[in-house]
Amino acid sequence: MAISRLIEYEPPEGYYLAFSGGKDSIVIYDLAVRSGVKFDAHFTFTTLDPPEVVQFIKNNYPAVIWERPKASMFSLIVKKGFPPTRMKRYCCGEIKEIHGKNRVVMTGIRKKESSNRAGRLLYEQSTRNKKTWYLNPIIEWSDKDVWDYIRRYNLKYPILYDEGYTRIGCVMCPLQSVEGRRRDAERYPRFYKAYLRAFGRMLKNRPSHSTFHKEWKTPEQVMEWWINER
């Protein structure tokens, strides 16, 4: 069914395949190859991707095109004056969701990933750009469906899944649980320290009239609030 969908909606110029290196994008990449449709795969390098995932893509998907951001997450934190949160994920809007403009973007989005994605459709128009469309060929698949496919075709995947990770994204992503963010902080101390430095610059550059969490005095205070923010 997924292959039939890819063939049915194939645009003349081919699909823009949004590739993250996670289990869902591994599956849609394989489906795209098996279907014979035209596509070009793109990985948006956020500057906060787990090193294991970065190396996995380099080793196994050399044809994937790397999209590099104009500004790093850390510079965005300083610019915005607060870290990205579950409710205000400016990071996705300014780093990840700006690519594939005026194309049909193939994604691995699934309804069962989260309540926010439960309302997503098989084929939908972008709310940002009316000329951009999204095709989500495995929209109804469960986690089991994804893993059954990966095992059936013996597809390689990042080692993080074997170490307890169920979803892969940016290090200390605010969409994770508190436990997940703390796990990332411990596993990736280099990123943790880079966040603290960014928080320090953010505090230093905040306008004097700003009242947003005016009790913040140190980077460590910002970090503790951010990790525990709901």
Protein backbone atom coordinates (compact mmCIF):
# COMPACT_ATOMS: atom_id res chain seq x y z
CA MET A 1 0.00 0.00 0.00
CA ALA A 2 2.81 2.44 0.87
CA ILE A 3 4.53 1.73 -2.46
CA SER A 4 1.24 2.23 -4.33
CA ARG A 5 0.86 5.60 -2.62
CA LEU A 6 4.36 6.66 -3.63
CA ILE A 7 3.65 5.77 -7.24
CA GLU A 8 0.23 7.46 -7.24
CA TYR A 9 1.43 10.82 -5.89
CA GLU A 10 4.84 10.94 -7.62
CA PRO A 11 5.49 14.49 -8.90
CA PRO A 12 7.24 15.01 -12.26
CA GLU A 13 10.38 16.41 -10.59
CA GLY A 14 10.45 13.64 -7.98
CA TYR A 15 10.05 13.71 -4.23
CA TYR A 16 12.04 15.65 -1.66
CA LEU A 17 12.64 12.87 0.89
CA ALA A 18 13.12 14.25 4.40
CA PHE A 19 15.73 11.92 5.92
CA SER A 20 16.67 12.05 9.61
CA GLY A 21 18.53 8.76 10.02
CA GLY A 22 15.81 7.50 12.37
CA LYS A 23 13.83 4.29 11.94
CA ASP A 24 10.91 5.86 10.08
CA SER A 25 13.05 7.67 7.52
CA ILE A 26 15.08 4.48 6.99
CA VAL A 27 11.85 2.70 6.07
CA ILE A 28 10.55 5.39 3.69
CA TYR A 29 13.96 5.57 1.98
CA ASP A 30 13.83 1.82 1.35
CA LEU A 31 10.22 2.04 0.18
CA ALA A 32 11.14 4.84 -2.22
CA VAL A 33 13.92 2.71 -3.71
CA ARG A 34 11.67 -0.35 -4.04
CA SER A 35 8.86 1.67 -5.63
CA GLY A 36 11.15 3.03 -8.34
CA VAL A 37 9.94 6.61 -7.90
CA LYS A 38 12.24 9.55 -8.48
CA PHE A 39 13.49 11.24 -5.31
CA ASP A 40 16.37 13.09 -3.72
CA ALA A 41 16.96 12.55 0.00
CA HIS A 42 18.01 15.39 2.32
CA PHE A 43 19.33 15.37 5.88
CA THR A 44 18.95 18.61 7.82
CA PHE A 45 22.05 18.87 9.98
CA THR A 46 20.82 20.77 13.02
CA THR A 47 24.23 20.98 14.79
CA LEU A 48 22.62 19.02 17.66
CA ASP A 49 22.28 15.61 16.05
CA PRO A 50 23.62 12.66 18.07
CA PRO A 51 27.13 11.77 16.82
CA GLU A 52 26.06 8.14 16.41
CA VAL A 53 23.34 9.19 13.96
CA VAL A 54 25.63 11.52 12.02
CA GLN A 55 28.18 8.73 11.58
CA PHE A 56 25.46 6.23 10.67
CA ILE A 57 24.26 8.45 7.82
CA LYS A 58 27.79 9.06 6.57
CA ASN A 59 28.53 5.33 6.56
CA ASN A 60 25.29 4.02 5.09
CA TYR A 61 23.63 6.80 3.07
CA PRO A 62 26.33 8.56 1.04
CA ALA A 63 23.77 9.76 -1.53
CA VAL A 64 21.84 11.80 1.02
CA ILE A 65 22.25 15.57 0.59
CA TRP A 66 23.19 17.49 3.73
CA GLU A 67 21.35 20.72 4.43
CA ARG A 68 23.31 22.93 6.81
CA PRO A 69 21.61 25.70 8.82
CA LYS A 70 22.42 29.37 8.44
CA ALA A 71 22.54 29.68 12.23
CA SER A 72 23.26 27.09 14.92
CA MET A 73 20.83 26.26 17.68
CA PHE A 74 23.11 27.99 20.15
CA SER A 75 23.06 31.28 18.25
CA LEU A 76 19.26 31.01 17.98
CA ILE A 77 19.00 30.67 21.77
CA VAL A 78 20.94 33.91 22.20
CA LYS A 79 18.83 35.64 19.55
CA LYS A 80 15.48 34.51 20.96
CA GLY A 81 16.37 35.16 24.59
CA PHE A 82 15.07 31.79 25.86
CA PRO A 83 15.65 28.09 25.11
CA PRO A 84 13.22 26.25 22.83
CA THR A 85 10.40 24.58 24.72
CA ARG A 86 7.70 22.01 24.04
CA MET A 87 5.23 24.82 23.29
CA LYS A 88 7.67 27.18 21.53
CA ARG A 89 9.87 25.03 19.32
CA TYR A 90 11.29 27.82 17.18
CA CYS A 91 14.22 25.52 16.43
CA CYS A 92 12.14 23.30 14.11
CA GLY A 93 10.64 26.29 12.35
CA GLU A 94 13.98 27.98 11.67
CA ILE A 95 16.21 24.97 11.06
CA LYS A 96 14.23 21.89 10.00
CA GLU A 97 10.95 22.97 8.44
CA ILE A 98 12.30 25.46 5.90
CA HIS A 99 13.50 22.90 3.35
CA GLY A 100 11.64 21.26 0.48
CA LYS A 101 9.94 24.50 -0.49
CA ASN A 102 7.57 24.17 -3.48
CA ARG A 103 8.14 20.41 -3.57
CA VAL A 104 6.25 17.28 -2.55
CA VAL A 105 8.04 16.29 0.63
CA MET A 106 8.03 12.62 1.57
CA THR A 107 8.14 12.05 5.34
CA GLY A 108 8.02 9.17 7.81
CA ILE A 109 5.41 10.89 9.99
CA ARG A 110 3.01 8.48 11.69
CA LYS A 111 -0.22 9.15 13.59
CA LYS A 112 0.79 6.95 16.52
CA GLU A 113 3.96 8.91 17.26
CA SER A 114 2.18 11.57 19.29
CA SER A 115 -1.15 13.28 19.93
CA ASN A 116 0.05 16.22 17.82
CA ARG A 117 0.49 13.94 14.81
CA ALA A 118 -2.73 11.98 15.29
CA GLY A 119 -4.55 14.43 13.04
CA ARG A 120 -2.04 14.36 10.19
CA LEU A 121 -3.18 13.17 6.76
CA LEU A 122 -1.76 10.96 4.05
CA TYR A 123 -1.38 13.89 1.64
CA GLU A 124 -1.55 17.42 2.99
CA GLN A 125 -0.73 20.98 2.06
CA SER A 126 1.80 23.01 4.01
CA THR A 127 0.31 25.73 6.21
CA ARG A 128 3.40 27.86 5.56
CA ASN A 129 3.63 27.55 1.78
CA LYS A 130 0.68 26.60 -0.40
CA LYS A 131 3.00 25.23 -3.07
CA THR A 132 4.56 22.71 -0.68
CA TRP A 133 2.83 19.38 -0.08
CA TYR A 134 3.60 16.47 2.24
CA LEU A 135 3.14 12.80 1.50
CA ASN A 136 3.24 10.55 4.56
CA PRO A 137 3.14 7.03 3.06
CA ILE A 138 3.37 5.13 6.38
CA ILE A 139 0.96 7.43 8.25
CA GLU A 140 -1.02 4.54 9.82
CA TRP A 141 1.92 2.31 10.71
CA SER A 142 2.63 1.30 14.30
CA ASP A 143 6.08 1.02 15.87
CA LYS A 144 5.78 -2.75 15.41
CA ASP A 145 5.06 -2.31 11.70
CA VAL A 146 8.20 -0.20 11.33
CA TRP A 147 10.43 -2.66 13.17
CA ASP A 148 8.91 -5.65 11.37
CA TYR A 149 9.79 -3.99 8.07
CA ILE A 150 13.34 -3.18 9.18
CA ARG A 151 13.93 -6.76 10.32
CA ARG A 152 12.26 -8.32 7.29
CA TYR A 153 14.63 -6.52 4.93
CA ASN A 154 17.59 -6.54 7.33
CA LEU A 155 18.00 -2.75 7.20
CA LYS A 156 20.75 -1.14 9.25
CA TYR A 157 19.77 1.39 11.91
CA PRO A 158 21.56 3.61 14.50
CA ILE A 159 22.89 1.76 17.55
CA LEU A 160 20.99 4.12 19.87
CA TYR A 161 17.83 2.05 19.37
CA ASP A 162 19.60 -0.95 20.89
CA GLU A 163 20.59 1.18 23.87
CA GLY A 164 17.08 2.14 24.96
CA TYR A 165 16.22 5.08 22.70
CA THR A 166 12.74 4.81 21.15
CA ARG A 167 12.93 8.04 19.14
CA ILE A 168 15.94 9.87 17.77
CA GLY A 169 16.19 13.63 17.46
CA CYS A 170 18.30 16.54 18.61
CA VAL A 171 20.33 16.12 21.78
CA MET A 172 18.21 17.32 24.74
CA CYS A 173 15.22 18.04 22.49
CA PRO A 174 12.41 19.64 24.56
CA LEU A 175 9.94 17.10 23.16
CA GLN A 176 11.67 14.41 25.19
CA SER A 177 10.69 13.49 28.72
CA VAL A 178 12.62 14.98 31.65
CA GLU A 179 14.37 11.62 32.01
CA GLY A 180 15.31 11.67 28.33
CA ARG A 181 16.83 15.15 28.55
CA ARG A 182 18.81 14.19 31.65
CA ARG A 183 20.01 11.03 29.91
CA ASP A 184 21.22 13.10 26.96
CA ALA A 185 22.95 15.58 29.29
CA GLU A 186 24.90 12.75 30.86
CA ARG A 187 25.65 10.93 27.63
CA TYR A 188 26.72 14.02 25.69
CA PRO A 189 28.60 16.33 28.09
CA ARG A 190 30.05 18.34 25.19
CA PHE A 191 26.56 19.37 24.09
CA TYR A 192 25.50 20.00 27.69
CA LYS A 193 28.40 22.41 28.18
CA ALA A 194 27.67 24.09 24.82
CA TYR A 195 24.08 24.71 25.96
CA LEU A 196 25.36 26.25 29.20
CA ARG A 197 27.66 28.59 27.26
CA ALA A 198 24.75 29.60 25.04
CA PHE A 199 22.58 30.26 28.09
CA GLY A 200 25.37 32.43 29.49
CA ARG A 201 25.53 34.51 26.31
CA MET A 202 21.74 34.67 26.27
CA LEU A 203 21.62 36.11 29.79
CA LYS A 204 24.36 38.59 28.99
CA ASN A 205 22.57 39.82 25.87
CA ARG A 206 19.05 40.01 27.27
CA PRO A 207 17.54 43.51 27.16
CA SER A 208 17.57 45.18 30.56
CA HIS A 209 13.79 45.69 30.38
CA SER A 210 13.08 41.99 29.75
CA THR A 211 10.88 40.39 32.41
CA PHE A 212 10.87 36.88 30.96
CA HIS A 213 12.05 34.69 33.84
CA LYS A 214 13.87 37.62 35.39
CA GLU A 215 14.88 35.33 38.28
CA TRP A 216 17.40 33.66 35.98
CA LYS A 217 20.87 34.76 37.08
CA THR A 218 23.14 31.91 35.97
CA PRO A 219 23.29 29.44 33.05
CA GLU A 220 22.80 26.62 35.55
CA GLN A 221 19.47 28.10 36.67
CA VAL A 222 18.30 28.25 33.07
CA MET A 223 19.40 24.65 32.51
CA GLU A 224 17.55 23.33 35.54
CA TRP A 225 14.36 25.13 34.46
CA TRP A 226 14.75 23.93 30.87
CA ILE A 227 15.30 20.29 31.72
CA ASN A 228 12.28 20.22 34.02
CA GLU A 229 10.04 22.44 31.87
CA ARG A 230 6.76 20.73 30.96
